[in-house]
Amino acid sequence: MTNNSQQRRHYLIAYRFQLRFALQVLLLLIFTSMVIGWTVYYSVWNASEGQLQRLLGEERIDQADALRFRETIRTEIGEKVLLRLFLLIFIAFVFTVFATHRMVGPIRHMEKNLKACLRGEPSKPIRLRKTDEFQDLAKLINEALLENQGSGVTGQGSG
């Protein structure tokens, strides 16, 4: 029982797979965020510049005023977007580690049981947590191991 509770605390089981998968998700999230951020920034800038044109009448916006206005928008939007982006990246990373743990854990457990079976050790049923993936595969492997164990016992008895 202690062994199972210790294994559950180690969420990075297959470091390379889990970190590679997390990196792929994070890169997708960063790329998407950059595209959305760029689109929002320029949309806001164009709309704001148009509003300023109307407020000032037909006067052209002074270059210095335009630069100050653009810097204000960049600061306001940029800080808020970056803070939220970093928060989302952290949440995505944690989510990815937990999601891959529910995949990698059962696969490792099944590999361990199958290797033990190949070494001739008595097979133990594969038991997965309710939240783990590959429940159907574990059930199928359990059935195959039981059938194999049954045929192995009768084969030893008749020889």
C-alpha atoms as a PDB file:
ATOM      1  CA  MET A   1       0.000   0.000   0.000  1.00  0.00           C
ATOM      2  CA  THR A   2       2.850   2.369   0.839  1.00  0.00           C
ATOM      3  CA  ASN A   3       4.447   1.646  -2.528  1.00  0.00           C
ATOM      4  CA  ASN A   4       1.341   2.819  -4.433  1.00  0.00           C
ATOM      5  CA  SER A   5       1.066   6.035  -2.459  1.00  0.00           C
ATOM      6  CA  GLN A   6       4.754   6.789  -3.110  1.00  0.00           C
ATOM      7  CA  GLN A   7       4.368   6.201  -6.842  1.00  0.00           C
ATOM      8  CA  ARG A   8       1.455   8.611  -6.987  1.00  0.00           C
ATOM      9  CA  ARG A   9       3.659  11.427  -5.699  1.00  0.00           C
ATOM     10  CA  HIS A  10       6.066  11.041  -8.606  1.00  0.00           C
ATOM     11  CA  TYR A  11       4.275  12.567 -11.540  1.00  0.00           C
ATOM     12  CA  LEU A  12       7.270  12.644 -13.863  1.00  0.00           C
ATOM     13  CA  ILE A  13       7.656   8.939 -14.586  1.00  0.00           C
ATOM     14  CA  ALA A  14       8.861   9.064 -18.187  1.00  0.00           C
ATOM     15  CA  TYR A  15      10.722  12.364 -18.057  1.00  0.00           C
ATOM     16  CA  ARG A  16      11.622  12.583 -21.726  1.00  0.00           C
ATOM     17  CA  PHE A  17       8.134  11.777 -23.015  1.00  0.00           C
ATOM     18  CA  GLN A  18       6.305  13.915 -20.475  1.00  0.00           C
ATOM     19  CA  LEU A  19       8.594  16.930 -20.807  1.00  0.00           C
ATOM     20  CA  ARG A  20       8.659  16.688 -24.620  1.00  0.00           C
ATOM     21  CA  PHE A  21       4.865  16.522 -24.686  1.00  0.00           C
ATOM     22  CA  ALA A  22       4.623  19.444 -22.232  1.00  0.00           C
ATOM     23  CA  LEU A  23       7.037  21.471 -24.367  1.00  0.00           C
ATOM     24  CA  GLN A  24       4.949  20.816 -27.478  1.00  0.00           C
ATOM     25  CA  VAL A  25       1.790  21.950 -25.689  1.00  0.00           C
ATOM     26  CA  LEU A  26       3.565  25.025 -24.315  1.00  0.00           C
ATOM     27  CA  LEU A  27       4.974  25.992 -27.718  1.00  0.00           C
ATOM     28  CA  LEU A  28       1.512  25.718 -29.214  1.00  0.00           C
ATOM     29  CA  LEU A  29       0.114  27.831 -26.388  1.00  0.00           C
ATOM     30  CA  ILE A  30       2.860  30.460 -26.767  1.00  0.00           C
ATOM     31  CA  PHE A  31       2.414  30.640 -30.542  1.00  0.00           C
ATOM     32  CA  THR A  32      -1.359  30.946 -30.201  1.00  0.00           C
ATOM     33  CA  SER A  33      -0.993  33.596 -27.511  1.00  0.00           C
ATOM     34  CA  MET A  34       1.422  35.598 -29.637  1.00  0.00           C
ATOM     35  CA  VAL A  35      -0.918  35.569 -32.612  1.00  0.00           C
ATOM     36  CA  ILE A  36      -3.898  36.538 -30.479  1.00  0.00           C
ATOM     37  CA  GLY A  37      -1.889  39.181 -28.597  1.00  0.00           C
ATOM     38  CA  TRP A  38      -0.572  40.697 -31.810  1.00  0.00           C
ATOM     39  CA  THR A  39      -4.065  40.760 -33.310  1.00  0.00           C
ATOM     40  CA  VAL A  40      -5.617  42.352 -30.217  1.00  0.00           C
ATOM     41  CA  TYR A  41      -2.823  44.918 -29.889  1.00  0.00           C
ATOM     42  CA  TYR A  42      -3.047  46.131 -33.461  1.00  0.00           C
ATOM     43  CA  SER A  43      -6.833  46.013 -33.466  1.00  0.00           C
ATOM     44  CA  VAL A  44      -6.935  48.135 -30.314  1.00  0.00           C
ATOM     45  CA  TRP A  45      -4.284  50.481 -31.705  1.00  0.00           C
ATOM     46  CA  ASN A  46      -6.118  50.988 -35.001  1.00  0.00           C
ATOM     47  CA  ALA A  47      -9.465  51.506 -33.278  1.00  0.00           C
ATOM     48  CA  SER A  48      -7.942  53.892 -30.737  1.00  0.00           C
ATOM     49  CA  GLU A  49      -6.096  55.877 -33.374  1.00  0.00           C
ATOM     50  CA  GLY A  50      -9.321  56.239 -35.321  1.00  0.00           C
ATOM     51  CA  GLN A  51     -11.140  57.447 -32.201  1.00  0.00           C
ATOM     52  CA  LEU A  52      -8.411  59.991 -31.532  1.00  0.00           C
ATOM     53  CA  GLN A  53      -8.687  61.257 -35.109  1.00  0.00           C
ATOM     54  CA  ARG A  54     -12.413  61.827 -34.616  1.00  0.00           C
ATOM     55  CA  LEU A  55     -11.941  63.467 -31.209  1.00  0.00           C
ATOM     56  CA  LEU A  56      -9.333  65.864 -32.517  1.00  0.00           C
ATOM     57  CA  GLY A  57     -11.358  66.615 -35.601  1.00  0.00           C
ATOM     58  CA  GLU A  58      -9.445  66.813 -38.818  1.00  0.00           C
ATOM     59  CA  GLU A  59      -6.161  67.622 -37.088  1.00  0.00           C
ATOM     60  CA  ARG A  60      -3.437  65.091 -37.520  1.00  0.00           C
ATOM     61  CA  ILE A  61      -2.154  63.515 -34.334  1.00  0.00           C
ATOM     62  CA  ASP A  62       1.191  64.931 -33.311  1.00  0.00           C
ATOM     63  CA  GLN A  63       3.917  62.286 -33.706  1.00  0.00           C
ATOM     64  CA  ALA A  64       5.036  62.630 -30.067  1.00  0.00           C
ATOM     65  CA  ASP A  65       1.448  62.283 -28.822  1.00  0.00           C
ATOM     66  CA  ALA A  66       0.972  59.213 -31.000  1.00  0.00           C
ATOM     67  CA  LEU A  67       4.143  57.622 -29.625  1.00  0.00           C
ATOM     68  CA  ARG A  68       3.107  58.349 -26.023  1.00  0.00           C
ATOM     69  CA  PHE A  69      -0.346  56.946 -26.716  1.00  0.00           C
ATOM     70  CA  ARG A  70       1.124  53.837 -28.343  1.00  0.00           C
ATOM     71  CA  GLU A  71       3.518  53.345 -25.416  1.00  0.00           C
ATOM     72  CA  THR A  72       0.630  53.659 -22.952  1.00  0.00           C
ATOM     73  CA  ILE A  73      -1.344  51.016 -24.822  1.00  0.00           C
ATOM     74  CA  ARG A  74       1.715  48.767 -25.083  1.00  0.00           C
ATOM     75  CA  THR A  75       2.381  49.065 -21.353  1.00  0.00           C
ATOM     76  CA  GLU A  76      -1.223  48.531 -20.297  1.00  0.00           C
ATOM     77  CA  ILE A  77      -1.964  45.648 -22.606  1.00  0.00           C
ATOM     78  CA  GLY A  78       1.528  44.154 -22.599  1.00  0.00           C
ATOM     79  CA  GLU A  79       1.839  43.802 -18.833  1.00  0.00           C
ATOM     80  CA  LYS A  80      -1.600  42.297 -18.452  1.00  0.00           C
ATOM     81  CA  VAL A  81      -1.162  39.924 -21.386  1.00  0.00           C
ATOM     82  CA  LEU A  82       2.310  38.788 -20.305  1.00  0.00           C
ATOM     83  CA  LEU A  83       1.215  38.133 -16.743  1.00  0.00           C
ATOM     84  CA  ARG A  84      -1.726  36.080 -17.927  1.00  0.00           C
ATOM     85  CA  LEU A  85       0.409  34.319 -20.520  1.00  0.00           C
ATOM     86  CA  PHE A  86       2.935  33.197 -17.900  1.00  0.00           C
ATOM     87  CA  LEU A  87       0.097  32.051 -15.652  1.00  0.00           C
ATOM     88  CA  LEU A  88      -1.439  30.070 -18.525  1.00  0.00           C
ATOM     89  CA  ILE A  89       1.927  28.547 -19.411  1.00  0.00           C
ATOM     90  CA  PHE A  90       2.388  27.377 -15.828  1.00  0.00           C
ATOM     91  CA  ILE A  91      -1.155  25.969 -15.681  1.00  0.00           C
ATOM     92  CA  ALA A  92      -0.665  24.231 -19.061  1.00  0.00           C
ATOM     93  CA  PHE A  93       2.613  22.697 -17.885  1.00  0.00           C
ATOM     94  CA  VAL A  94       1.064  21.350 -14.671  1.00  0.00           C
ATOM     95  CA  PHE A  95      -1.977  20.067 -16.565  1.00  0.00           C
ATOM     96  CA  THR A  96       0.252  18.354 -19.129  1.00  0.00           C
ATOM     97  CA  VAL A  97       2.314  16.612 -16.462  1.00  0.00           C
ATOM     98  CA  PHE A  98      -0.838  15.322 -14.739  1.00  0.00           C
ATOM     99  CA  ALA A  99      -2.434  14.282 -18.043  1.00  0.00           C
ATOM    100  CA  THR A 100       0.647  12.413 -19.236  1.00  0.00           C
ATOM    101  CA  HIS A 101       1.022  10.786 -15.819  1.00  0.00           C
ATOM    102  CA  ARG A 102      -2.379   9.172 -16.314  1.00  0.00           C
ATOM    103  CA  MET A 103      -1.055   7.712 -19.574  1.00  0.00           C
ATOM    104  CA  VAL A 104       2.545   6.847 -18.712  1.00  0.00           C
ATOM    105  CA  GLY A 105       1.807   5.335 -15.302  1.00  0.00           C
ATOM    106  CA  PRO A 106      -0.497   2.605 -16.640  1.00  0.00           C
ATOM    107  CA  ILE A 107       1.841   1.857 -19.549  1.00  0.00           C
ATOM    108  CA  ARG A 108       4.792   1.427 -17.173  1.00  0.00           C
ATOM    109  CA  HIS A 109       2.683  -0.765 -14.887  1.00  0.00           C
ATOM    110  CA  MET A 110       1.617  -2.963 -17.819  1.00  0.00           C
ATOM    111  CA  GLU A 111       5.225  -3.216 -19.088  1.00  0.00           C
ATOM    112  CA  LYS A 112       6.407  -4.280 -15.640  1.00  0.00           C
ATOM    113  CA  ASN A 113       3.732  -6.976 -15.384  1.00  0.00           C
ATOM    114  CA  LEU A 114       4.400  -8.287 -18.897  1.00  0.00           C
ATOM    115  CA  LYS A 115       8.186  -8.433 -18.298  1.00  0.00           C
ATOM    116  CA  ALA A 116       7.573 -10.377 -15.073  1.00  0.00           C
ATOM    117  CA  CYS A 117       5.336 -12.757 -17.004  1.00  0.00           C
ATOM    118  CA  LEU A 118       8.045 -13.252 -19.659  1.00  0.00           C
ATOM    119  CA  ARG A 119      10.561 -14.075 -16.914  1.00  0.00           C
ATOM    120  CA  GLY A 120       8.185 -16.837 -15.806  1.00  0.00           C
ATOM    121  CA  GLU A 121       7.045 -15.131 -12.610  1.00  0.00           C
ATOM    122  CA  PRO A 122       3.415 -15.550 -11.607  1.00  0.00           C
ATOM    123  CA  SER A 123       1.371 -12.748 -13.111  1.00  0.00           C
ATOM    124  CA  LYS A 124      -0.459 -10.295 -10.899  1.00  0.00           C
ATOM    125  CA  PRO A 125      -3.573  -8.539 -12.145  1.00  0.00           C
ATOM    126  CA  ILE A 126      -3.033  -5.037 -13.436  1.00  0.00           C
ATOM    127  CA  ARG A 127      -4.951  -2.605 -11.259  1.00  0.00           C
ATOM    128  CA  LEU A 128      -5.271   0.981 -12.388  1.00  0.00           C
ATOM    129  CA  ARG A 129      -6.725   4.012 -10.667  1.00  0.00           C
ATOM    130  CA  LYS A 130     -10.130   5.153 -11.903  1.00  0.00           C
ATOM    131  CA  THR A 131      -8.580   8.297 -13.398  1.00  0.00           C
ATOM    132  CA  ASP A 132      -5.899   6.384 -15.355  1.00  0.00           C
ATOM    133  CA  GLU A 133      -6.117   5.943 -19.101  1.00  0.00           C
ATOM    134  CA  PHE A 134      -6.047   2.588 -20.935  1.00  0.00           C
ATOM    135  CA  GLN A 135      -8.531   0.803 -18.659  1.00  0.00           C
ATOM    136  CA  ASP A 136      -9.718  -1.398 -21.544  1.00  0.00           C
ATOM    137  CA  LEU A 137      -6.160  -2.358 -22.470  1.00  0.00           C
ATOM    138  CA  ALA A 138      -5.372  -3.305 -18.858  1.00  0.00           C
ATOM    139  CA  LYS A 139      -8.502  -5.456 -18.747  1.00  0.00           C
ATOM    140  CA  LEU A 140      -7.519  -7.176 -21.996  1.00  0.00           C
ATOM    141  CA  ILE A 141      -3.964  -7.833 -20.766  1.00  0.00           C
ATOM    142  CA  ASN A 142      -5.354  -9.222 -17.498  1.00  0.00           C
ATOM    143  CA  GLU A 143      -7.572 -11.606 -19.452  1.00  0.00           C
ATOM    144  CA  ALA A 144      -4.646 -12.690 -21.660  1.00  0.00           C
ATOM    145  CA  LEU A 145      -2.381 -13.230 -18.645  1.00  0.00           C
ATOM    146  CA  LEU A 146      -5.049 -15.272 -16.893  1.00  0.00           C
ATOM    147  CA  GLU A 147      -5.600 -17.389 -19.989  1.00  0.00           C
ATOM    148  CA  ASN A 148      -1.848 -17.780 -20.490  1.00  0.00           C
ATOM    149  CA  GLN A 149      -1.354 -18.684 -16.848  1.00  0.00           C
ATOM    150  CA  GLY A 150      -4.134 -21.229 -17.089  1.00  0.00           C
ATOM    151  CA  SER A 151      -2.674 -22.823 -20.186  1.00  0.00           C
ATOM    152  CA  GLY A 152       0.808 -22.812 -18.643  1.00  0.00           C
ATOM    153  CA  VAL A 153      -0.422 -24.675 -15.572  1.00  0.00           C
ATOM    154  CA  THR A 154      -2.145 -27.360 -17.638  1.00  0.00           C
ATOM    155  CA  GLY A 155       0.869 -27.609 -19.937  1.00  0.00           C
ATOM    156  CA  GLN A 156       3.197 -28.234 -16.959  1.00  0.00           C
ATOM    157  CA  GLY A 157       0.837 -30.820 -15.492  1.00  0.00           C
ATOM    158  CA  SER A 158       0.606 -32.884 -18.689  1.00  0.00           C
ATOM    159  CA  GLY A 159       4.396 -32.923 -19.362  1.00  0.00           C
END
